[in-house]
């Protein structure tokens, strides 16, 4: 493990999300985890791995994480990222199997629920995607029991009513084919179904819980257990899935994290309804400013160099109307600026804010480590040497030769504790014969300080605060 990996491992949160293993800035593996800290740490612990994992770990020189609101969201994001980046160590399926959706066509006089594997560009409404067609069918059965929509393929309304099927007799259809309900009555049930599919499913759960309690009172324990399992499945199925939406959206989700000193802006990219990744941008000295002011200024600078998405979803903004007008001029097309207060878009903003907070914490930790290794180390050196000041420019010299011949010297330079490699120099020893490091050092230091004394400002070298030399007279 390198220092970058050690630092990131120490900052991993106990949160669901995806991790992207990298080699030389190229993504070689994408995975998901219920707990990122535990899962990512497992790769770098001393244990026996399978040959594939061992080969992967041996090539990792960096990794990134994306935090999610739930394990299901992490699963969807993992699928999107694998399809986008095609990492070498991931299993790449060729059949492009898709998770199923629930489809309802509101243009039909009496709409019905169907299962679709792919969203089409039509007027129908799609909900999902969901994990497992069997679970969807089970929930659709529950919906028919609580909110009875038709399941038949008849083209309604019929000119003449027909005898209703058994679903009407058992209370799982309103019988529009037999003119047993009006269009308005049916639409009322459709609206309740749509409300359920959007996530407002508490009324249906309340009814199922009441049915379960009634079954238990009647000592119908098998029926009560079935309803209990159905309630559990409904709750699991309707978990919010922000990693993939059903409207083929093109969105940029922007949120902010602040710590009182600095700030971090996070941009998440949604393309074709899929969350495909994001970037974090450090905003120094913006930690105490209002989020509205910081985000408005960030949006202008960010989109000055790039085209905005069709919809920009912001955590907050000053004068949103003017900002939206500017974005439209910048894109030369339609742009919608949204500041959500609730719903799916608000959940996406919270996910972006969570990632921004995580990036800010990692940046601060990295800066602390850098400070400890640079300016902090220089201060400790000054104390160890008894200096009354902290040296800013430090130069180190060493002599090398090949069996007493071809002597050369090197000069390394550190400024504020960091290597200034453009200042490094090599010297070929000119006046000393044989292996005489002391005399060679005398020559090199003389040549170096004459550079400081020169009158030519272009060729003049700055005076060091501290000089370190290797060796001395025997």
Protein backbone atom coordinates (compact mmCIF):
# COMPACT_ATOMS: atom_id res chain seq x y z
CA UNK A 1 0.00 0.00 0.00
CA UNK A 2 1.16 3.51 -0.76
CA UNK A 3 0.52 6.53 1.44
CA UNK A 4 -2.49 7.64 -0.61
CA UNK A 5 -4.24 4.31 -0.09
CA UNK A 6 -3.42 4.26 3.65
CA UNK A 7 -4.92 7.71 4.10
CA UNK A 8 -8.09 6.87 2.17
CA UNK A 9 -8.52 3.61 4.08
CA UNK A 10 -8.42 5.52 7.36
CA UNK A 11 -11.19 7.85 6.10
CA UNK A 12 -13.63 5.24 4.77
CA UNK A 13 -17.17 5.66 6.16
CA UNK A 14 -19.53 2.99 7.46
CA UNK A 15 -21.87 3.67 4.55
CA UNK A 16 -23.20 1.80 1.52
CA UNK A 17 -21.70 2.80 -1.79
CA UNK A 18 -19.43 1.86 -4.67
CA UNK A 19 -15.65 1.69 -4.82
CA UNK A 20 -13.52 2.13 -7.95
CA UNK A 21 -10.10 0.45 -7.89
CA UNK A 22 -7.53 2.19 -10.08
CA UNK A 23 -4.16 1.57 -11.69
CA UNK A 24 -2.43 4.66 -13.09
CA UNK A 25 -5.74 6.60 -13.07
CA UNK A 26 -7.49 3.83 -15.04
CA UNK A 27 -10.46 2.08 -13.42
CA UNK A 28 -9.75 -1.66 -13.30
CA UNK A 29 -12.52 -2.81 -10.96
CA UNK A 30 -15.88 -1.50 -9.69
CA UNK A 31 -17.58 -3.00 -6.68
CA UNK A 32 -20.40 -2.23 -4.26
CA UNK A 33 -20.58 -2.62 -0.51
CA UNK A 34 -23.13 -2.41 2.28
CA UNK A 35 -20.27 -1.09 4.44
CA UNK A 36 -17.46 0.56 2.47
CA UNK A 37 -15.04 0.57 5.40
CA UNK A 38 -15.27 -3.16 5.99
CA UNK A 39 -15.37 -4.19 2.32
CA UNK A 40 -12.51 -2.08 0.99
CA UNK A 41 -10.30 -2.87 3.99
CA UNK A 42 -10.70 -6.58 3.22
CA UNK A 43 -8.72 -6.18 -0.01
CA UNK A 44 -5.63 -4.89 1.78
CA UNK A 45 -5.57 -7.12 4.86
CA UNK A 46 -2.98 -9.88 5.08
CA UNK A 47 -5.03 -12.86 4.01
CA UNK A 48 -5.23 -15.44 1.26
CA UNK A 49 -7.06 -14.17 -1.84
CA UNK A 50 -8.22 -16.01 -4.91
CA UNK A 51 -5.81 -15.69 -7.85
CA UNK A 52 -8.03 -13.11 -9.52
CA UNK A 53 -8.34 -10.92 -6.41
CA UNK A 54 -4.63 -11.28 -5.68
CA UNK A 55 -3.81 -10.09 -9.21
CA UNK A 56 -6.22 -7.17 -8.79
CA UNK A 57 -4.80 -6.09 -5.42
CA UNK A 58 -1.27 -6.23 -6.80
CA UNK A 59 -2.16 -3.62 -9.41
CA UNK A 60 -4.15 -1.16 -7.29
CA UNK A 61 -2.36 2.14 -6.69
CA UNK A 62 -5.42 4.26 -5.83
CA UNK A 63 -9.17 4.01 -5.32
CA UNK A 64 -12.21 6.28 -5.18
CA UNK A 65 -15.59 5.86 -3.52
CA UNK A 66 -19.12 7.08 -4.19
CA UNK A 67 -21.51 7.07 -1.24
CA UNK A 68 -25.11 5.96 -1.72
CA UNK A 69 -28.26 6.20 0.37
CA UNK A 70 -28.96 2.45 0.36
CA UNK A 71 -27.53 -0.90 -0.65
CA UNK A 72 -30.03 -1.14 -3.49
CA UNK A 73 -28.93 2.24 -4.85
CA UNK A 74 -25.31 1.07 -4.65
CA UNK A 75 -26.24 -2.05 -6.64
CA UNK A 76 -27.79 0.04 -9.41
CA UNK A 77 -24.87 2.46 -9.46
CA UNK A 78 -22.40 -0.45 -9.68
CA UNK A 79 -24.25 -1.77 -12.74
CA UNK A 80 -24.17 1.66 -14.41
CA UNK A 81 -20.46 2.18 -13.69
CA UNK A 82 -19.49 -1.26 -14.99
CA UNK A 83 -21.36 -0.67 -18.25
CA UNK A 84 -19.74 2.78 -18.57
CA UNK A 85 -16.10 1.96 -17.75
CA UNK A 86 -15.92 -1.78 -18.63
CA UNK A 87 -13.24 -2.52 -15.99
CA UNK A 88 -10.82 -5.35 -16.79
CA UNK A 89 -11.45 -7.32 -13.57
CA UNK A 90 -15.25 -7.11 -13.62
CA UNK A 91 -17.51 -9.74 -15.13
CA UNK A 92 -18.90 -8.11 -18.27
CA UNK A 93 -22.21 -9.66 -19.28
CA UNK A 94 -22.95 -9.65 -22.99
CA UNK A 95 -26.71 -10.18 -22.85
CA UNK A 96 -27.35 -6.70 -21.37
CA UNK A 97 -30.03 -8.12 -19.08
CA UNK A 98 -32.07 -5.28 -17.62
CA UNK A 99 -33.92 -4.98 -14.36
CA UNK A 100 -37.70 -4.91 -14.85
CA UNK A 101 -40.03 -1.91 -14.62
CA UNK A 102 -43.71 -1.57 -13.79
CA UNK A 103 -45.50 0.08 -16.72
CA UNK A 104 -48.88 1.79 -16.86
CA UNK A 105 -50.30 3.56 -19.92
CA UNK A 106 -52.49 6.43 -18.74
CA UNK A 107 -53.76 7.07 -22.28
CA UNK A 108 -55.88 3.94 -22.04
CA UNK A 109 -59.45 4.52 -20.84
CA UNK A 110 -58.97 1.82 -18.17
CA UNK A 111 -55.19 1.50 -17.57
CA UNK A 112 -53.60 -1.73 -16.34
CA UNK A 113 -50.23 -2.66 -14.87
CA UNK A 114 -47.70 -4.61 -16.93
CA UNK A 115 -44.04 -5.60 -16.58
CA UNK A 116 -41.50 -4.16 -19.02
CA UNK A 117 -37.79 -4.99 -19.38
CA UNK A 118 -37.00 -1.80 -21.22
CA UNK A 119 -38.34 1.75 -21.20
CA UNK A 120 -39.76 2.80 -24.52
CA UNK A 121 -40.17 6.33 -25.82
CA UNK A 122 -43.93 6.35 -25.43
CA UNK A 123 -46.55 8.06 -23.30
CA UNK A 124 -46.61 5.33 -20.65
CA UNK A 125 -45.34 5.80 -17.10
CA UNK A 126 -42.50 3.55 -15.88
CA UNK A 127 -41.61 2.81 -12.26
CA UNK A 128 -38.42 1.12 -11.17
CA UNK A 129 -36.15 -0.55 -12.05
CA UNK A 130 -36.73 -3.26 -9.47
CA UNK A 131 -34.69 -6.26 -8.41
CA UNK A 132 -36.46 -9.42 -9.50
CA UNK A 133 -39.53 -9.98 -11.66
CA UNK A 134 -40.99 -12.42 -9.12
CA UNK A 135 -41.05 -9.73 -6.44
CA UNK A 136 -42.76 -7.34 -8.86
CA UNK A 137 -45.43 -9.90 -9.69
CA UNK A 138 -46.03 -10.50 -6.00
CA UNK A 139 -46.47 -6.80 -5.34
CA UNK A 140 -48.75 -6.45 -8.37
CA UNK A 141 -50.89 -9.20 -6.84
CA UNK A 142 -50.97 -7.23 -3.62
CA UNK A 143 -52.00 -4.11 -5.50
CA UNK A 144 -54.83 -5.96 -7.21
CA UNK A 145 -56.04 -7.18 -3.83
CA UNK A 146 -55.92 -3.73 -2.24
CA UNK A 147 -56.38 -1.55 -5.35
CA UNK A 148 -58.12 -3.76 -7.94
CA UNK A 149 -57.09 -2.82 -11.47
CA UNK A 150 -57.92 -5.05 -14.44
CA UNK A 151 -55.38 -7.58 -15.79
CA UNK A 152 -57.08 -8.57 -19.04
CA UNK A 153 -56.06 -7.57 -22.59
CA UNK A 154 -59.52 -6.41 -23.65
CA UNK A 155 -59.76 -3.14 -25.56
CA UNK A 156 -62.04 -1.12 -23.31
CA UNK A 157 -64.57 0.37 -23.21
CA UNK A 158 -66.73 -2.30 -24.87
CA UNK A 159 -69.85 -1.33 -26.78
CA UNK A 160 -71.77 -4.04 -24.95
CA UNK A 161 -71.01 -5.28 -21.46
CA UNK A 162 -69.89 -8.88 -21.00
CA UNK A 163 -69.91 -11.21 -18.04
CA UNK A 164 -67.00 -10.28 -15.70
CA UNK A 165 -64.27 -12.79 -14.99
CA UNK A 166 -63.47 -14.43 -11.68
CA UNK A 167 -61.21 -11.53 -10.66
CA UNK A 168 -64.34 -9.41 -10.25
CA UNK A 169 -66.01 -12.12 -8.14
CA UNK A 170 -63.05 -12.31 -5.73
CA UNK A 171 -62.73 -8.52 -5.48
CA UNK A 172 -59.55 -8.10 -7.55
CA UNK A 173 -61.11 -6.14 -10.43
CA UNK A 174 -63.73 -3.41 -10.64
CA UNK A 175 -65.34 -5.02 -13.70
CA UNK A 176 -65.10 -2.24 -16.33
CA UNK A 177 -65.75 -4.84 -19.03
CA UNK A 178 -69.20 -5.40 -17.51
CA UNK A 179 -69.81 -1.67 -16.92
CA UNK A 180 -69.66 -2.32 -13.17
CA UNK A 181 -67.74 0.94 -12.56
CA UNK A 182 -67.49 4.35 -14.15
CA UNK A 183 -64.35 5.79 -15.70
CA UNK A 184 -64.09 8.26 -12.80
CA UNK A 185 -64.29 5.49 -10.18
CA UNK A 186 -61.61 3.51 -12.01
CA UNK A 187 -59.38 6.58 -12.34
CA UNK A 188 -59.61 7.16 -8.61
CA UNK A 189 -58.12 3.70 -8.05
CA UNK A 190 -55.44 4.40 -10.70
CA UNK A 191 -54.43 7.56 -8.85
CA UNK A 192 -54.03 5.58 -5.63
CA UNK A 193 -51.89 3.01 -7.47
CA UNK A 194 -49.69 5.78 -8.90
CA UNK A 195 -49.34 7.27 -5.43
CA UNK A 196 -48.25 3.86 -4.12
CA UNK A 197 -45.69 3.38 -6.89
CA UNK A 198 -44.24 6.85 -6.25
CA UNK A 199 -43.45 5.74 -2.71
CA UNK A 200 -46.53 6.92 -0.81
CA UNK A 201 -47.53 3.37 0.03
CA UNK A 202 -48.44 3.74 3.69
CA UNK A 203 -52.23 3.49 3.08
CA UNK A 204 -51.76 0.13 1.34
CA UNK A 205 -49.46 -1.08 4.11
CA UNK A 206 -52.03 0.01 6.70
CA UNK A 207 -54.67 -2.06 4.93
CA UNK A 208 -52.39 -5.11 4.72
CA UNK A 209 -51.54 -4.78 8.41
CA UNK A 210 -55.24 -4.58 9.26
CA UNK A 211 -55.90 -7.69 7.14
CA UNK A 212 -53.04 -9.48 8.93
CA UNK A 213 -54.47 -8.56 12.34
CA UNK A 214 -57.94 -9.73 11.26
CA UNK A 215 -56.51 -13.05 10.01
CA UNK A 216 -54.69 -13.56 13.31
CA UNK A 217 -57.87 -12.87 15.30
CA UNK A 218 -59.66 -15.49 13.20
CA UNK A 219 -56.79 -17.92 13.95
CA UNK A 220 -55.84 -17.99 10.24
CA UNK A 221 -52.16 -18.02 11.04
CA UNK A 222 -50.95 -19.16 7.63
CA UNK A 223 -52.83 -16.27 6.02
CA UNK A 224 -51.42 -13.86 8.60
CA UNK A 225 -47.88 -15.11 7.93
CA UNK A 226 -48.41 -14.67 4.19
CA UNK A 227 -49.55 -11.08 4.70
CA UNK A 228 -46.60 -10.45 7.03
CA UNK A 229 -44.20 -11.60 4.31
CA UNK A 230 -46.02 -9.47 1.75
CA UNK A 231 -45.63 -6.38 3.95
CA UNK A 232 -41.91 -7.09 4.24
CA UNK A 233 -41.56 -7.54 0.47
CA UNK A 234 -43.45 -4.33 -0.25
CA UNK A 235 -41.20 -2.34 2.07
CA UNK A 236 -38.10 -3.82 0.50
CA UNK A 237 -39.31 -3.37 -3.07
CA UNK A 238 -40.34 0.25 -2.64
CA UNK A 239 -36.93 1.29 -1.30
CA UNK A 240 -35.89 4.49 -3.04
CA UNK A 241 -33.58 3.83 -6.01
CA UNK A 242 -31.84 7.08 -6.91
CA UNK A 243 -29.11 5.46 -9.00
CA UNK A 244 -31.46 5.00 -11.94
CA UNK A 245 -34.58 6.97 -12.70
CA UNK A 246 -37.35 6.25 -15.14
CA UNK A 247 -37.53 9.49 -17.10
CA UNK A 248 -34.31 9.26 -19.18
CA UNK A 249 -33.21 12.41 -17.36
CA UNK A 250 -30.11 14.45 -18.20
CA UNK A 251 -29.21 16.15 -14.94
CA UNK A 252 -26.32 17.70 -13.06
CA UNK A 253 -26.86 17.41 -9.30
CA UNK A 254 -24.84 20.00 -7.34
CA UNK A 255 -24.50 20.26 -3.56
CA UNK A 256 -22.10 21.81 -1.04
CA UNK A 257 -20.32 20.83 2.18
CA UNK A 258 -18.68 23.40 4.50
CA UNK A 259 -16.52 23.11 7.62
CA UNK A 260 -16.26 26.75 8.72
CA UNK A 261 -13.02 27.33 6.81
CA UNK A 262 -13.23 25.70 3.38
CA UNK A 263 -15.98 24.22 1.24
CA UNK A 264 -16.35 21.36 -1.24
CA UNK A 265 -18.80 21.32 -4.15
CA UNK A 266 -19.93 17.95 -5.50
CA UNK A 267 -21.39 17.43 -8.98
CA UNK A 268 -23.19 14.18 -9.80
CA UNK A 269 -23.87 13.32 -13.44
CA UNK A 270 -27.17 11.70 -14.44
CA UNK A 271 -27.37 10.79 -18.12
CA UNK A 272 -30.17 8.78 -19.69
CA UNK A 273 -31.69 8.44 -16.23
CA UNK A 274 -28.54 6.75 -14.89
CA UNK A 275 -26.18 8.06 -12.23
CA UNK A 276 -22.79 7.71 -13.93
CA UNK A 277 -20.39 9.35 -11.48
CA UNK A 278 -19.34 12.67 -10.08
CA UNK A 279 -16.55 15.11 -9.33
CA UNK A 280 -15.63 17.12 -6.24
CA UNK A 281 -14.22 20.66 -6.37
CA UNK A 282 -12.41 22.31 -3.45
CA UNK A 283 -13.44 25.89 -2.65
CA UNK A 284 -10.85 27.35 -0.22
CA UNK A 285 -11.94 30.00 2.30
CA UNK A 286 -15.64 29.52 1.47
CA UNK A 287 -16.54 27.59 4.60
CA UNK A 288 -18.34 30.47 6.33
CA UNK A 289 -20.20 31.98 3.38
CA UNK A 290 -23.88 31.30 2.71
CA UNK A 291 -24.51 28.15 0.62
CA UNK A 292 -26.71 30.15 -1.75
CA UNK A 293 -23.90 32.60 -2.51
CA UNK A 294 -21.19 29.96 -2.82
CA UNK A 295 -23.21 27.64 -5.08
CA UNK A 296 -24.38 30.47 -7.34
CA UNK A 297 -20.79 31.62 -7.86
CA UNK A 298 -19.64 28.02 -8.36
CA UNK A 299 -22.30 27.34 -11.02
CA UNK A 300 -21.23 30.38 -13.05
CA UNK A 301 -17.54 29.38 -12.93
CA UNK A 302 -18.25 25.69 -13.52
CA UNK A 303 -20.42 26.20 -16.60
CA UNK A 304 -18.24 28.93 -18.04
CA UNK A 305 -16.09 26.10 -19.45
CA UNK A 306 -18.74 23.45 -20.18
CA UNK A 307 -22.30 22.94 -21.35
CA UNK A 308 -24.97 22.52 -18.66
CA UNK A 309 -27.27 19.52 -18.63
CA UNK A 310 -30.93 19.91 -19.53
CA UNK A 311 -31.70 20.14 -15.83
CA UNK A 312 -29.43 21.51 -13.11
CA UNK A 313 -30.53 20.43 -9.65
CA UNK A 314 -29.07 22.67 -6.93
CA UNK A 315 -29.02 22.45 -3.16
CA UNK A 316 -29.53 26.23 -2.94
CA UNK A 317 -29.03 29.35 -5.05
CA UNK A 318 -29.32 33.13 -5.04
CA UNK A 319 -31.69 34.61 -7.62
CA UNK A 320 -32.50 31.28 -9.25
CA UNK A 321 -34.44 32.96 -12.07
CA UNK A 322 -31.44 35.00 -13.25
CA UNK A 323 -29.14 31.99 -12.89
CA UNK A 324 -31.49 29.83 -14.96
CA UNK A 325 -31.62 32.51 -17.68
CA UNK A 326 -27.81 32.59 -17.79
CA UNK A 327 -27.65 28.79 -18.08
CA UNK A 328 -30.06 28.89 -21.02
CA UNK A 329 -27.92 31.47 -22.77
CA UNK A 330 -24.83 29.41 -22.07
CA UNK A 331 -26.40 26.24 -23.53
CA UNK A 332 -28.29 28.10 -26.26
CA UNK A 333 -31.21 25.86 -25.46
CA UNK A 334 -33.64 24.81 -22.76
CA UNK A 335 -32.25 24.43 -19.22
CA UNK A 336 -34.30 23.96 -16.07
CA UNK A 337 -32.86 25.01 -12.71
CA UNK A 338 -34.45 23.10 -9.82
CA UNK A 339 -34.01 23.56 -6.06
CA UNK A 340 -35.98 20.60 -4.65
CA UNK A 341 -37.40 20.50 -1.14
CA UNK A 342 -38.71 16.93 -1.18
CA UNK A 343 -38.99 13.84 -3.36
CA UNK A 344 -36.49 11.94 -5.51
CA UNK A 345 -34.55 15.02 -6.60
CA UNK A 346 -34.10 16.09 -3.00
CA UNK A 347 -32.77 12.59 -2.26
CA UNK A 348 -30.22 13.02 -5.08
CA UNK A 349 -29.15 16.39 -3.62
CA UNK A 350 -28.65 14.75 -0.22
CA UNK A 351 -26.53 12.03 -1.87
CA UNK A 352 -24.39 14.72 -3.53
CA UNK A 353 -24.09 16.57 -0.21
CA UNK A 354 -23.04 13.36 1.54
CA UNK A 355 -20.32 12.79 -1.07
CA UNK A 356 -19.19 16.41 -0.78
CA UNK A 357 -18.83 16.05 2.99
CA UNK A 358 -16.82 12.87 2.53
CA UNK A 359 -14.53 14.52 -0.05
CA UNK A 360 -14.00 17.53 2.24
CA UNK A 361 -13.01 15.31 5.16
CA UNK A 362 -10.55 13.40 2.98
CA UNK A 363 -9.06 16.63 1.65
CA UNK A 364 -8.60 18.01 5.15
CA UNK A 365 -6.99 14.77 6.30
CA UNK A 366 -4.66 14.81 3.29
CA UNK A 367 -3.70 18.42 4.01
CA UNK A 368 -2.96 17.56 7.65
CA UNK A 369 -0.71 14.70 6.58
CA UNK A 370 1.01 16.94 4.04
CA UNK A 371 1.52 19.64 6.65
CA UNK A 372 2.98 17.14 9.10
CA UNK A 373 5.41 15.92 6.45
CA UNK A 374 6.38 19.38 5.14
CA UNK A 375 6.09 22.50 7.27
CA UNK A 376 5.59 20.43 10.43
CA UNK A 377 8.73 18.41 9.69
CA UNK A 378 10.69 21.61 9.03
CA UNK A 379 9.63 23.02 12.39
CA UNK A 380 10.76 19.82 14.13
CA UNK A 381 14.08 20.03 12.28
CA UNK A 382 14.55 23.63 13.41
CA UNK A 383 13.92 22.62 17.02
CA UNK A 384 16.29 19.66 16.78
CA UNK A 385 19.07 21.89 15.40
CA UNK A 386 18.41 24.67 17.89
CA UNK A 387 17.61 27.23 15.20
CA UNK A 388 15.88 30.43 16.17
CA UNK A 389 13.84 30.43 12.96
CA UNK A 390 12.11 28.02 10.62
CA UNK A 391 14.22 27.52 7.46
CA UNK A 392 12.21 28.03 4.30
CA UNK A 393 14.79 26.98 1.67
CA UNK A 394 16.88 23.94 2.52
CA UNK A 395 19.64 22.61 0.26
CA UNK A 396 21.35 19.25 0.59
CA UNK A 397 24.65 18.20 -1.07
CA UNK A 398 26.29 14.82 -1.62
CA UNK A 399 29.35 13.53 -3.50
CA UNK A 400 29.53 10.34 -5.54
CA UNK A 401 32.30 8.68 -7.55
CA UNK A 402 33.01 5.45 -9.40
CA UNK A 403 35.98 3.71 -7.75
CA UNK A 404 37.66 7.08 -7.14
CA UNK A 405 37.01 8.40 -10.63
CA UNK A 406 34.32 10.48 -12.34
CA UNK A 407 33.33 12.35 -9.19
CA UNK A 408 30.04 14.21 -9.32
CA UNK A 409 27.92 16.11 -6.83
CA UNK A 410 24.17 16.59 -6.48
CA UNK A 411 22.13 19.36 -4.90
CA UNK A 412 18.54 18.83 -3.80
CA UNK A 413 16.29 21.68 -2.73
CA UNK A 414 13.28 21.75 -0.40
CA UNK A 415 11.09 24.86 -0.12
CA UNK A 416 8.58 24.99 2.74
CA UNK A 417 9.24 21.31 3.35
CA UNK A 418 8.39 20.21 -0.19
CA UNK A 419 10.86 19.07 -2.85
CA UNK A 420 11.49 21.74 -5.51
CA UNK A 421 12.71 19.40 -8.25
CA UNK A 422 13.18 22.16 -10.80
CA UNK A 423 15.85 23.56 -8.48
CA UNK A 424 17.84 20.30 -8.34
CA UNK A 425 21.37 20.49 -9.86
CA UNK A 426 24.27 18.19 -10.77
CA UNK A 427 27.92 19.27 -10.61
CA UNK A 428 30.82 17.63 -12.36
CA UNK A 429 33.95 17.85 -10.12
CA UNK A 430 36.65 19.79 -11.98
CA UNK A 431 39.53 20.56 -9.57
CA UNK A 432 39.83 17.42 -7.45
CA UNK A 433 41.62 14.23 -8.47
CA UNK A 434 40.62 10.90 -6.95
CA UNK A 435 38.19 10.13 -4.16
CA UNK A 436 38.37 13.18 -1.93
CA UNK A 437 34.83 13.95 -0.81
CA UNK A 438 35.90 16.78 1.51
CA UNK A 439 37.78 18.69 -1.21
CA UNK A 440 35.02 17.94 -3.72
CA UNK A 441 32.41 19.34 -1.35
CA UNK A 442 34.51 22.47 -0.89
CA UNK A 443 34.58 22.98 -4.66
CA UNK A 444 30.85 22.40 -5.07
CA UNK A 445 29.83 24.74 -2.26
CA UNK A 446 32.14 27.43 -3.59
CA UNK A 447 30.63 27.18 -7.06
CA UNK A 448 27.12 27.15 -5.65
CA UNK A 449 27.54 30.29 -3.50
CA UNK A 450 29.30 32.18 -6.24
CA UNK A 451 25.98 31.83 -8.05
CA UNK A 452 24.40 33.75 -5.20
CA UNK A 453 27.00 36.52 -5.45
CA UNK A 454 26.71 37.08 -9.20
CA UNK A 455 25.46 40.47 -10.36
CA UNK A 456 23.39 38.97 -13.17
CA UNK A 457 19.87 38.72 -11.75
CA UNK A 458 18.87 36.09 -14.28
CA UNK A 459 21.71 33.74 -13.27
CA UNK A 460 21.62 34.56 -9.55
CA UNK A 461 20.57 31.77 -7.20
CA UNK A 462 18.67 32.55 -3.96
CA UNK A 463 20.47 32.22 -0.63
CA UNK A 464 19.44 29.08 1.32
CA UNK A 465 18.29 29.22 4.93
CA UNK A 466 19.87 25.87 5.78
CA UNK A 467 22.59 23.80 4.07
CA UNK A 468 22.99 20.07 4.75
CA UNK A 469 26.17 18.29 3.57
CA UNK A 470 27.03 14.62 3.66
CA UNK A 471 30.36 13.62 5.23
CA UNK A 472 33.36 15.64 6.40
CA UNK A 473 37.11 15.35 7.14
CA UNK A 474 38.20 11.98 8.51
